[in-house]
Amino acid sequence: IISSTQNINDTTPPTLFQMLIYAALLG
């Protein structure tokens, strides 16, 4: 979703910390 909307909405990619939090929760 981020990749498909980034060019249109100039979405800021998540930081590594945010990604790790998401990964832990997903895990």
mmCIF file of all heavy atoms, coordinates in Angstrom:
data_MODEL
# 
_entry.id   MODEL 
# 
loop_
_atom_site.group_PDB 
_atom_site.id 
_atom_site.type_symbol 
_atom_site.label_atom_id 
_atom_site.label_alt_id 
_atom_site.label_comp_id 
_atom_site.label_asym_id 
_atom_site.label_entity_id 
_atom_site.label_seq_id 
_atom_site.pdbx_PDB_ins_code 
_atom_site.Cartn_x 
_atom_site.Cartn_y 
_atom_site.Cartn_z 
_atom_site.occupancy 
_atom_site.B_iso_or_equiv 
_atom_site.pdbx_formal_charge 
_atom_site.auth_seq_id 
_atom_site.auth_comp_id 
_atom_site.auth_asym_id 
_atom_site.auth_atom_id 
_atom_site.pdbx_PDB_model_num 
ATOM 1   N N   . ILE A 1 1  ? 0.839  -1.204  0.000  1.00 0.00 ? 1  ILE A N   1 
ATOM 2   C CA  . ILE A 1 1  ? 0.000  0.000   0.000  1.00 0.00 ? 1  ILE A CA  1 
ATOM 3   C C   . ILE A 1 1  ? 0.873  1.253   0.000  1.00 0.00 ? 1  ILE A C   1 
ATOM 4   O O   . ILE A 1 1  ? 0.622  2.207   -0.739 1.00 0.00 ? 1  ILE A O   1 
ATOM 5   C CB  . ILE A 1 1  ? -0.945 0.004   1.214  1.00 0.00 ? 1  ILE A CB  1 
ATOM 6   C CG1 . ILE A 1 1  ? -1.995 -1.091  1.061  1.00 0.00 ? 1  ILE A CG1 1 
ATOM 7   C CG2 . ILE A 1 1  ? -1.601 1.368   1.383  1.00 0.00 ? 1  ILE A CG2 1 
ATOM 8   C CD1 . ILE A 1 1  ? -2.884 -1.264  2.264  1.00 0.00 ? 1  ILE A CD1 1 
ATOM 9   N N   . ILE A 1 2  ? 1.940  1.233   0.812  1.00 0.00 ? 2  ILE A N   1 
ATOM 10  C CA  . ILE A 1 2  ? 2.851  2.374   0.862  1.00 0.00 ? 2  ILE A CA  1 
ATOM 11  C C   . ILE A 1 2  ? 3.502  2.597   -0.495 1.00 0.00 ? 2  ILE A C   1 
ATOM 12  O O   . ILE A 1 2  ? 3.568  3.718   -1.003 1.00 0.00 ? 2  ILE A O   1 
ATOM 13  C CB  . ILE A 1 2  ? 3.925  2.169   1.950  1.00 0.00 ? 2  ILE A CB  1 
ATOM 14  C CG1 . ILE A 1 2  ? 3.290  2.275   3.333  1.00 0.00 ? 2  ILE A CG1 1 
ATOM 15  C CG2 . ILE A 1 2  ? 5.050  3.193   1.817  1.00 0.00 ? 2  ILE A CG2 1 
ATOM 16  C CD1 . ILE A 1 2  ? 4.193  1.841   4.460  1.00 0.00 ? 2  ILE A CD1 1 
ATOM 17  N N   . SER A 1 3  ? 3.971  1.510   -1.125 1.00 0.00 ? 3  SER A N   1 
ATOM 18  C CA  . SER A 1 3  ? 4.635  1.613   -2.425 1.00 0.00 ? 3  SER A CA  1 
ATOM 19  C C   . SER A 1 3  ? 3.693  2.128   -3.498 1.00 0.00 ? 3  SER A C   1 
ATOM 20  O O   . SER A 1 3  ? 4.074  2.920   -4.351 1.00 0.00 ? 3  SER A O   1 
ATOM 21  C CB  . SER A 1 3  ? 5.190  0.240   -2.842 1.00 0.00 ? 3  SER A CB  1 
ATOM 22  O OG  . SER A 1 3  ? 6.182  -0.184  -1.949 1.00 0.00 ? 3  SER A OG  1 
ATOM 23  N N   . SER A 1 4  ? 2.442  1.672   -3.456 1.00 0.00 ? 4  SER A N   1 
ATOM 24  C CA  . SER A 1 4  ? 1.494  2.050   -4.505 1.00 0.00 ? 4  SER A CA  1 
ATOM 25  C C   . SER A 1 4  ? 0.963  3.465   -4.338 1.00 0.00 ? 4  SER A C   1 
ATOM 26  O O   . SER A 1 4  ? 0.454  4.054   -5.287 1.00 0.00 ? 4  SER A O   1 
ATOM 27  C CB  . SER A 1 4  ? 0.319  1.056   -4.526 1.00 0.00 ? 4  SER A CB  1 
ATOM 28  O OG  . SER A 1 4  ? -0.386 1.097   -3.309 1.00 0.00 ? 4  SER A OG  1 
ATOM 29  N N   . THR A 1 5  ? 1.097  4.051   -3.130 1.00 0.00 ? 5  THR A N   1 
ATOM 30  C CA  . THR A 1 5  ? 0.563  5.400   -2.902 1.00 0.00 ? 5  THR A CA  1 
ATOM 31  C C   . THR A 1 5  ? 1.652  6.440   -2.689 1.00 0.00 ? 5  THR A C   1 
ATOM 32  O O   . THR A 1 5  ? 1.350  7.622   -2.654 1.00 0.00 ? 5  THR A O   1 
ATOM 33  C CB  . THR A 1 5  ? -0.358 5.407   -1.663 1.00 0.00 ? 5  THR A CB  1 
ATOM 34  O OG1 . THR A 1 5  ? 0.394  5.000   -0.513 1.00 0.00 ? 5  THR A OG1 1 
ATOM 35  C CG2 . THR A 1 5  ? -1.534 4.474   -1.852 1.00 0.00 ? 5  THR A CG2 1 
ATOM 36  N N   . GLN A 1 6  ? 2.877  6.007   -2.573 1.00 0.00 ? 6  GLN A N   1 
ATOM 37  C CA  . GLN A 1 6  ? 3.946  6.931   -2.191 1.00 0.00 ? 6  GLN A CA  1 
ATOM 38  C C   . GLN A 1 6  ? 4.141  8.048   -3.204 1.00 0.00 ? 6  GLN A C   1 
ATOM 39  O O   . GLN A 1 6  ? 4.279  9.208   -2.851 1.00 0.00 ? 6  GLN A O   1 
ATOM 40  C CB  . GLN A 1 6  ? 5.257  6.164   -2.013 1.00 0.00 ? 6  GLN A CB  1 
ATOM 41  C CG  . GLN A 1 6  ? 6.354  7.007   -1.386 1.00 0.00 ? 6  GLN A CG  1 
ATOM 42  C CD  . GLN A 1 6  ? 7.546  6.163   -0.997 1.00 0.00 ? 6  GLN A CD  1 
ATOM 43  O OE1 . GLN A 1 6  ? 7.573  4.970   -1.206 1.00 0.00 ? 6  GLN A OE1 1 
ATOM 44  N NE2 . GLN A 1 6  ? 8.550  6.796   -0.443 1.00 0.00 ? 6  GLN A NE2 1 
ATOM 45  N N   . ASN A 1 7  ? 4.126  7.708   -4.480 1.00 0.00 ? 7  ASN A N   1 
ATOM 46  C CA  . ASN A 1 7  ? 4.349  8.716   -5.516 1.00 0.00 ? 7  ASN A CA  1 
ATOM 47  C C   . ASN A 1 7  ? 3.187  9.711   -5.603 1.00 0.00 ? 7  ASN A C   1 
ATOM 48  O O   . ASN A 1 7  ? 3.374  10.865  -5.942 1.00 0.00 ? 7  ASN A O   1 
ATOM 49  C CB  . ASN A 1 7  ? 4.543  8.041   -6.876 1.00 0.00 ? 7  ASN A CB  1 
ATOM 50  C CG  . ASN A 1 7  ? 5.841  7.252   -6.924 1.00 0.00 ? 7  ASN A CG  1 
ATOM 51  O OD1 . ASN A 1 7  ? 6.782  7.564   -6.205 1.00 0.00 ? 7  ASN A OD1 1 
ATOM 52  N ND2 . ASN A 1 7  ? 5.882  6.226   -7.754 1.00 0.00 ? 7  ASN A ND2 1 
ATOM 53  N N   . ILE A 1 8  ? 1.999  9.204   -5.261 1.00 0.00 ? 8  ILE A N   1 
ATOM 54  C CA  . ILE A 1 8  ? 0.821  10.061  -5.384 1.00 0.00 ? 8  ILE A CA  1 
ATOM 55  C C   . ILE A 1 8  ? 0.698  10.995  -4.185 1.00 0.00 ? 8  ILE A C   1 
ATOM 56  O O   . ILE A 1 8  ? 0.497  12.190  -4.309 1.00 0.00 ? 8  ILE A O   1 
ATOM 57  C CB  . ILE A 1 8  ? -0.458 9.191   -5.496 1.00 0.00 ? 8  ILE A CB  1 
ATOM 58  C CG1 . ILE A 1 8  ? -0.371 8.325   -6.761 1.00 0.00 ? 8  ILE A CG1 1 
ATOM 59  C CG2 . ILE A 1 8  ? -1.699 10.059  -5.529 1.00 0.00 ? 8  ILE A CG2 1 
ATOM 60  C CD1 . ILE A 1 8  ? -1.502 7.306   -6.867 1.00 0.00 ? 8  ILE A CD1 1 
ATOM 61  N N   . ASN A 1 9  ? 0.837  10.464  -3.006 1.00 0.00 ? 9  ASN A N   1 
ATOM 62  C CA  . ASN A 1 9  ? 0.599  11.237  -1.787 1.00 0.00 ? 9  ASN A CA  1 
ATOM 63  C C   . ASN A 1 9  ? 1.874  11.649  -1.067 1.00 0.00 ? 9  ASN A C   1 
ATOM 64  O O   . ASN A 1 9  ? 1.813  12.240  0.006  1.00 0.00 ? 9  ASN A O   1 
ATOM 65  C CB  . ASN A 1 9  ? -0.274 10.421  -0.828 1.00 0.00 ? 9  ASN A CB  1 
ATOM 66  C CG  . ASN A 1 9  ? -1.609 10.048  -1.432 1.00 0.00 ? 9  ASN A CG  1 
ATOM 67  O OD1 . ASN A 1 9  ? -2.193 10.835  -2.159 1.00 0.00 ? 9  ASN A OD1 1 
ATOM 68  N ND2 . ASN A 1 9  ? -2.081 8.851   -1.145 1.00 0.00 ? 9  ASN A ND2 1 
ATOM 69  N N   . ASP A 1 10 ? 3.025  11.310  -1.643 1.00 0.00 ? 10 ASP A N   1 
ATOM 70  C CA  . ASP A 1 10 ? 4.320  11.617  -1.025 1.00 0.00 ? 10 ASP A CA  1 
ATOM 71  C C   . ASP A 1 10 ? 4.373  11.080  0.409  1.00 0.00 ? 10 ASP A C   1 
ATOM 72  O O   . ASP A 1 10 ? 4.778  11.766  1.344  1.00 0.00 ? 10 ASP A O   1 
ATOM 73  C CB  . ASP A 1 10 ? 4.562  13.131  -1.033 1.00 0.00 ? 10 ASP A CB  1 
ATOM 74  C CG  . ASP A 1 10 ? 6.026  13.459  -0.715 1.00 0.00 ? 10 ASP A CG  1 
ATOM 75  O OD1 . ASP A 1 10 ? 6.889  12.606  -0.999 1.00 0.00 ? 10 ASP A OD1 1 
ATOM 76  O OD2 . ASP A 1 10 ? 6.285  14.552  -0.169 1.00 0.00 ? 10 ASP A OD2 1 
ATOM 77  N N   . THR A 1 11 ? 3.916  9.825   0.557  1.00 0.00 ? 11 THR A N   1 
ATOM 78  C CA  . THR A 1 11 ? 3.869  9.197   1.870  1.00 0.00 ? 11 THR A CA  1 
ATOM 79  C C   . THR A 1 11 ? 5.280  8.941   2.388  1.00 0.00 ? 11 THR A C   1 
ATOM 80  O O   . THR A 1 11 ? 6.139  8.456   1.671  1.00 0.00 ? 11 THR A O   1 
ATOM 81  C CB  . THR A 1 11 ? 3.110  7.851   1.783  1.00 0.00 ? 11 THR A CB  1 
ATOM 82  O OG1 . THR A 1 11 ? 1.827  8.092   1.226  1.00 0.00 ? 11 THR A OG1 1 
ATOM 83  C CG2 . THR A 1 11 ? 2.956  7.226   3.156  1.00 0.00 ? 11 THR A CG2 1 
ATOM 84  N N   . THR A 1 12 ? 5.522  9.258   3.644  1.00 0.00 ? 12 THR A N   1 
ATOM 85  C CA  . THR A 1 12 ? 6.826  8.999   4.253  1.00 0.00 ? 12 THR A CA  1 
ATOM 86  C C   . THR A 1 12 ? 6.914  7.529   4.641  1.00 0.00 ? 12 THR A C   1 
ATOM 87  O O   . THR A 1 12 ? 6.050  7.031   5.358  1.00 0.00 ? 12 THR A O   1 
ATOM 88  C CB  . THR A 1 12 ? 7.006  9.863   5.517  1.00 0.00 ? 12 THR A CB  1 
ATOM 89  O OG1 . THR A 1 12 ? 6.872  11.229  5.149  1.00 0.00 ? 12 THR A OG1 1 
ATOM 90  C CG2 . THR A 1 12 ? 8.374  9.614   6.135  1.00 0.00 ? 12 THR A CG2 1 
ATOM 91  N N   . PRO A 1 13 ? 7.943  6.818   4.182  1.00 0.00 ? 13 PRO A N   1 
ATOM 92  C CA  . PRO A 1 13 ? 8.083  5.405   4.528  1.00 0.00 ? 13 PRO A CA  1 
ATOM 93  C C   . PRO A 1 13 ? 8.270  5.250   6.036  1.00 0.00 ? 13 PRO A C   1 
ATOM 94  O O   . PRO A 1 13 ? 8.781  6.143   6.707  1.00 0.00 ? 13 PRO A O   1 
ATOM 95  C CB  . PRO A 1 13 ? 9.347  4.986   3.778  1.00 0.00 ? 13 PRO A CB  1 
ATOM 96  C CG  . PRO A 1 13 ? 9.543  6.004   2.716  1.00 0.00 ? 13 PRO A CG  1 
ATOM 97  C CD  . PRO A 1 13 ? 8.999  7.280   3.281  1.00 0.00 ? 13 PRO A CD  1 
ATOM 98  N N   . PRO A 1 14 ? 7.842  4.116   6.582  1.00 0.00 ? 14 PRO A N   1 
ATOM 99  C CA  . PRO A 1 14 ? 8.001  3.911   8.022  1.00 0.00 ? 14 PRO A CA  1 
ATOM 100 C C   . PRO A 1 14 ? 9.473  3.803   8.405  1.00 0.00 ? 14 PRO A C   1 
ATOM 101 O O   . PRO A 1 14 ? 10.296 3.360   7.612  1.00 0.00 ? 14 PRO A O   1 
ATOM 102 C CB  . PRO A 1 14 ? 7.267  2.578   8.271  1.00 0.00 ? 14 PRO A CB  1 
ATOM 103 C CG  . PRO A 1 14 ? 7.294  1.883   6.940  1.00 0.00 ? 14 PRO A CG  1 
ATOM 104 C CD  . PRO A 1 14 ? 7.213  2.971   5.919  1.00 0.00 ? 14 PRO A CD  1 
ATOM 105 N N   . THR A 1 15 ? 9.805  4.215   9.620  1.00 0.00 ? 15 THR A N   1 
ATOM 106 C CA  . THR A 1 15 ? 11.175 4.082   10.104 1.00 0.00 ? 15 THR A CA  1 
ATOM 107 C C   . THR A 1 15 ? 11.424 2.615   10.447 1.00 0.00 ? 15 THR A C   1 
ATOM 108 O O   . THR A 1 15 ? 10.496 1.810   10.540 1.00 0.00 ? 15 THR A O   1 
ATOM 109 C CB  . THR A 1 15 ? 11.389 4.933   11.363 1.00 0.00 ? 15 THR A CB  1 
ATOM 110 O OG1 . THR A 1 15 ? 10.543 4.420   12.408 1.00 0.00 ? 15 THR A OG1 1 
ATOM 111 C CG2 . THR A 1 15 ? 11.053 6.391   11.092 1.00 0.00 ? 15 THR A CG2 1 
ATOM 112 N N   . LEU A 1 16 ? 12.700 2.276   10.649 1.00 0.00 ? 16 LEU A N   1 
ATOM 113 C CA  . LEU A 1 16 ? 13.052 0.911   11.019 1.00 0.00 ? 16 LEU A CA  1 
ATOM 114 C C   . LEU A 1 16 ? 12.400 0.535   12.348 1.00 0.00 ? 16 LEU A C   1 
ATOM 115 O O   . LEU A 1 16 ? 11.903 -0.588  12.516 1.00 0.00 ? 16 LEU A O   1 
ATOM 116 C CB  . LEU A 1 16 ? 14.569 0.758   11.116 1.00 0.00 ? 16 LEU A CB  1 
ATOM 117 C CG  . LEU A 1 16 ? 15.081 -0.645  11.486 1.00 0.00 ? 16 LEU A CG  1 
ATOM 118 C CD1 . LEU A 1 16 ? 14.620 -1.681  10.475 1.00 0.00 ? 16 LEU A CD1 1 
ATOM 119 C CD2 . LEU A 1 16 ? 16.609 -0.634  11.606 1.00 0.00 ? 16 LEU A CD2 1 
ATOM 120 N N   . PHE A 1 17 ? 12.372 1.488   13.294 1.00 0.00 ? 17 PHE A N   1 
ATOM 121 C CA  . PHE A 1 17 ? 11.752 1.213   14.590 1.00 0.00 ? 17 PHE A CA  1 
ATOM 122 C C   . PHE A 1 17 ? 10.264 0.901   14.427 1.00 0.00 ? 17 PHE A C   1 
ATOM 123 O O   . PHE A 1 17 ? 9.746  -0.045  15.027 1.00 0.00 ? 17 PHE A O   1 
ATOM 124 C CB  . PHE A 1 17 ? 11.940 2.413   15.523 1.00 0.00 ? 17 PHE A CB  1 
ATOM 125 C CG  . PHE A 1 17 ? 11.277 2.251   16.859 1.00 0.00 ? 17 PHE A CG  1 
ATOM 126 C CD1 . PHE A 1 17 ? 11.832 1.413   17.827 1.00 0.00 ? 17 PHE A CD1 1 
ATOM 127 C CD2 . PHE A 1 17 ? 10.085 2.908   17.152 1.00 0.00 ? 17 PHE A CD2 1 
ATOM 128 C CE1 . PHE A 1 17 ? 11.206 1.238   19.063 1.00 0.00 ? 17 PHE A CE1 1 
ATOM 129 C CE2 . PHE A 1 17 ? 9.461  2.744   18.377 1.00 0.00 ? 17 PHE A CE2 1 
ATOM 130 C CZ  . PHE A 1 17 ? 10.023 1.909   19.336 1.00 0.00 ? 17 PHE A CZ  1 
ATOM 131 N N   . GLN A 1 18 ? 9.578  1.695   13.614 1.00 0.00 ? 18 GLN A N   1 
ATOM 132 C CA  . GLN A 1 18 ? 8.153  1.455   13.371 1.00 0.00 ? 18 GLN A CA  1 
ATOM 133 C C   . GLN A 1 18 ? 7.941  0.097   12.720 1.00 0.00 ? 18 GLN A C   1 
ATOM 134 O O   . GLN A 1 18 ? 7.003  -0.634  13.049 1.00 0.00 ? 18 GLN A O   1 
ATOM 135 C CB  . GLN A 1 18 ? 7.574  2.560   12.483 1.00 0.00 ? 18 GLN A CB  1 
ATOM 136 C CG  . GLN A 1 18 ? 7.485  3.908   13.163 1.00 0.00 ? 18 GLN A CG  1 
ATOM 137 C CD  . GLN A 1 18 ? 7.100  5.023   12.202 1.00 0.00 ? 18 GLN A CD  1 
ATOM 138 O OE1 . GLN A 1 18 ? 7.475  5.002   11.022 1.00 0.00 ? 18 GLN A OE1 1 
ATOM 139 N NE2 . GLN A 1 18 ? 6.371  6.018   12.699 1.00 0.00 ? 18 GLN A NE2 1 
ATOM 140 N N   . MET A 1 19 ? 8.839  -0.245  11.788 1.00 0.00 ? 19 MET A N   1 
ATOM 141 C CA  . MET A 1 19 ? 8.730  -1.522  11.105 1.00 0.00 ? 19 MET A CA  1 
ATOM 142 C C   . MET A 1 19 ? 8.954  -2.691  12.065 1.00 0.00 ? 19 MET A C   1 
ATOM 143 O O   . MET A 1 19 ? 8.276  -3.719  11.982 1.00 0.00 ? 19 MET A O   1 
ATOM 144 C CB  . MET A 1 19 ? 9.738  -1.597  9.947  1.00 0.00 ? 19 MET A CB  1 
ATOM 145 C CG  . MET A 1 19 ? 9.535  -2.778  9.027  1.00 0.00 ? 19 MET A CG  1 
ATOM 146 S SD  . MET A 1 19 ? 10.582 -2.700  7.564  1.00 0.00 ? 19 MET A SD  1 
ATOM 147 C CE  . MET A 1 19 ? 9.826  -1.336  6.703  1.00 0.00 ? 19 MET A CE  1 
ATOM 148 N N   . LEU A 1 20 ? 9.897  -2.519  13.000 1.00 0.00 ? 20 LEU A N   1 
ATOM 149 C CA  . LEU A 1 20 ? 10.168 -3.571  13.982 1.00 0.00 ? 20 LEU A CA  1 
ATOM 150 C C   . LEU A 1 20 ? 8.988  -3.762  14.932 1.00 0.00 ? 20 LEU A C   1 
ATOM 151 O O   . LEU A 1 20 ? 8.671  -4.895  15.302 1.00 0.00 ? 20 LEU A O   1 
ATOM 152 C CB  . LEU A 1 20 ? 11.438 -3.245  14.768 1.00 0.00 ? 20 LEU A CB  1 
ATOM 153 C CG  . LEU A 1 20 ? 12.760 -3.388  14.018 1.00 0.00 ? 20 LEU A CG  1 
ATOM 154 C CD1 . LEU A 1 20 ? 13.926 -2.943  14.896 1.00 0.00 ? 20 LEU A CD1 1 
ATOM 155 C CD2 . LEU A 1 20 ? 12.964 -4.824  13.541 1.00 0.00 ? 20 LEU A CD2 1 
ATOM 156 N N   . ILE A 1 21 ? 8.356  -2.643  15.317 1.00 0.00 ? 21 ILE A N   1 
ATOM 157 C CA  . ILE A 1 21 ? 7.168  -2.738  16.172 1.00 0.00 ? 21 ILE A CA  1 
ATOM 158 C C   . ILE A 1 21 ? 6.074  -3.504  15.433 1.00 0.00 ? 21 ILE A C   1 
ATOM 159 O O   . ILE A 1 21 ? 5.427  -4.404  15.989 1.00 0.00 ? 21 ILE A O   1 
ATOM 160 C CB  . ILE A 1 21 ? 6.657  -1.346  16.588 1.00 0.00 ? 21 ILE A CB  1 
ATOM 161 C CG1 . ILE A 1 21 ? 7.677  -0.645  17.495 1.00 0.00 ? 21 ILE A CG1 1 
ATOM 162 C CG2 . ILE A 1 21 ? 5.304  -1.449  17.280 1.00 0.00 ? 21 ILE A CG2 1 
ATOM 163 C CD1 . ILE A 1 21 ? 7.934  -1.354  18.808 1.00 0.00 ? 21 ILE A CD1 1 
ATOM 164 N N   . TYR A 1 22 ? 5.868  -3.140  14.176 1.00 0.00 ? 22 TYR A N   1 
ATOM 165 C CA  . TYR A 1 22 ? 4.859  -3.832  13.368 1.00 0.00 ? 22 TYR A CA  1 
ATOM 166 C C   . TYR A 1 22 ? 5.217  -5.307  13.221 1.00 0.00 ? 22 TYR A C   1 
ATOM 167 O O   . TYR A 1 22 ? 4.350  -6.183  13.341 1.00 0.00 ? 22 TYR A O   1 
ATOM 168 C CB  . TYR A 1 22 ? 4.732  -3.175  11.988 1.00 0.00 ? 22 TYR A CB  1 
ATOM 169 C CG  . TYR A 1 22 ? 3.793  -3.936  11.076 1.00 0.00 ? 22 TYR A CG  1 
ATOM 170 C CD1 . TYR A 1 22 ? 2.413  -3.803  11.213 1.00 0.00 ? 22 TYR A CD1 1 
ATOM 171 C CD2 . TYR A 1 22 ? 4.286  -4.799  10.103 1.00 0.00 ? 22 TYR A CD2 1 
ATOM 172 C CE1 . TYR A 1 22 ? 1.548  -4.515  10.396 1.00 0.00 ? 22 TYR A CE1 1 
ATOM 173 C CE2 . TYR A 1 22 ? 3.424  -5.515  9.288  1.00 0.00 ? 22 TYR A CE2 1 
ATOM 174 C CZ  . TYR A 1 22 ? 2.057  -5.367  9.439  1.00 0.00 ? 22 TYR A CZ  1 
ATOM 175 O OH  . TYR A 1 22 ? 1.203  -6.084  8.637  1.00 0.00 ? 22 TYR A OH  1 
ATOM 176 N N   . ALA A 1 23 ? 6.507  -5.579  12.974 1.00 0.00 ? 23 ALA A N   1 
ATOM 177 C CA  . ALA A 1 23 ? 6.957  -6.967  12.802 1.00 0.00 ? 23 ALA A CA  1 
ATOM 178 C C   . ALA A 1 23 ? 6.720  -7.783  14.065 1.00 0.00 ? 23 ALA A C   1 
ATOM 179 O O   . ALA A 1 23 ? 6.260  -8.928  14.003 1.00 0.00 ? 23 ALA A O   1 
ATOM 180 C CB  . ALA A 1 23 ? 8.440  -6.989  12.435 1.00 0.00 ? 23 ALA A CB  1 
ATOM 181 N N   . ALA A 1 24 ? 7.020  -7.201  15.232 1.00 0.00 ? 24 ALA A N   1 
ATOM 182 C CA  . ALA A 1 24 ? 6.822  -7.901  16.499 1.00 0.00 ? 24 ALA A CA  1 
ATOM 183 C C   . ALA A 1 24 ? 5.341  -8.190  16.738 1.00 0.00 ? 24 ALA A C   1 
ATOM 184 O O   . ALA A 1 24 ? 4.968  -9.300  17.147 1.00 0.00 ? 24 ALA A O   1 
ATOM 185 C CB  . ALA A 1 24 ? 7.398  -7.090  17.650 1.00 0.00 ? 24 ALA A CB  1 
ATOM 186 N N   . LEU A 1 25 ? 4.502  -7.184  16.459 1.00 0.00 ? 25 LEU A N   1 
ATOM 187 C CA  . LEU A 1 25 ? 3.061  -7.379  16.634 1.00 0.00 ? 25 LEU A CA  1 
ATOM 188 C C   . LEU A 1 25 ? 2.530  -8.414  15.652 1.00 0.00 ? 25 LEU A C   1 
ATOM 189 O O   . LEU A 1 25 ? 1.715  -9.272  16.013 1.00 0.00 ? 25 LEU A O   1 
ATOM 190 C CB  . LEU A 1 25 ? 2.322  -6.041  16.452 1.00 0.00 ? 25 LEU A CB  1 
ATOM 191 C CG  . LEU A 1 25 ? 2.584  -4.987  17.530 1.00 0.00 ? 25 LEU A CG  1 
ATOM 192 C CD1 . LEU A 1 25 ? 1.912  -3.665  17.160 1.00 0.00 ? 25 LEU A CD1 1 
ATOM 193 C CD2 . LEU A 1 25 ? 2.085  -5.478  18.890 1.00 0.00 ? 25 LEU A CD2 1 
ATOM 194 N N   . LEU A 1 26 ? 2.998  -8.320  14.409 1.00 0.00 ? 26 LEU A N   1 
ATOM 195 C CA  . LEU A 1 26 ? 2.601  -9.308  13.407 1.00 0.00 ? 26 LEU A CA  1 
ATOM 196 C C   . LEU A 1 26 ? 3.057  -10.699 13.833 1.00 0.00 ? 26 LEU A C   1 
ATOM 197 O O   . LEU A 1 26 ? 2.336  -11.690 13.682 1.00 0.00 ? 26 LEU A O   1 
ATOM 198 C CB  . LEU A 1 26 ? 3.202  -8.949  12.041 1.00 0.00 ? 26 LEU A CB  1 
ATOM 199 C CG  . LEU A 1 26 ? 2.943  -9.943  10.899 1.00 0.00 ? 26 LEU A CG  1 
ATOM 200 C CD1 . LEU A 1 26 ? 1.446  -10.081 10.642 1.00 0.00 ? 26 LEU A CD1 1 
ATOM 201 C CD2 . LEU A 1 26 ? 3.661  -9.497  9.640  1.00 0.00 ? 26 LEU A CD2 1 
ATOM 202 N N   . GLY A 1 27 ? 4.283  -10.772 14.388 1.00 0.00 ? 27 GLY A N   1 
ATOM 203 C CA  . GLY A 1 27 ? 4.809  -12.049 14.857 1.00 0.00 ? 27 GLY A CA  1 
ATOM 204 C C   . GLY A 1 27 ? 3.978  -12.633 15.985 1.00 0.00 ? 27 GLY A C   1 
ATOM 205 O O   . GLY A 1 27 ? 3.726  -13.839 16.023 1.00 0.00 ? 27 GLY A O   1 
# 
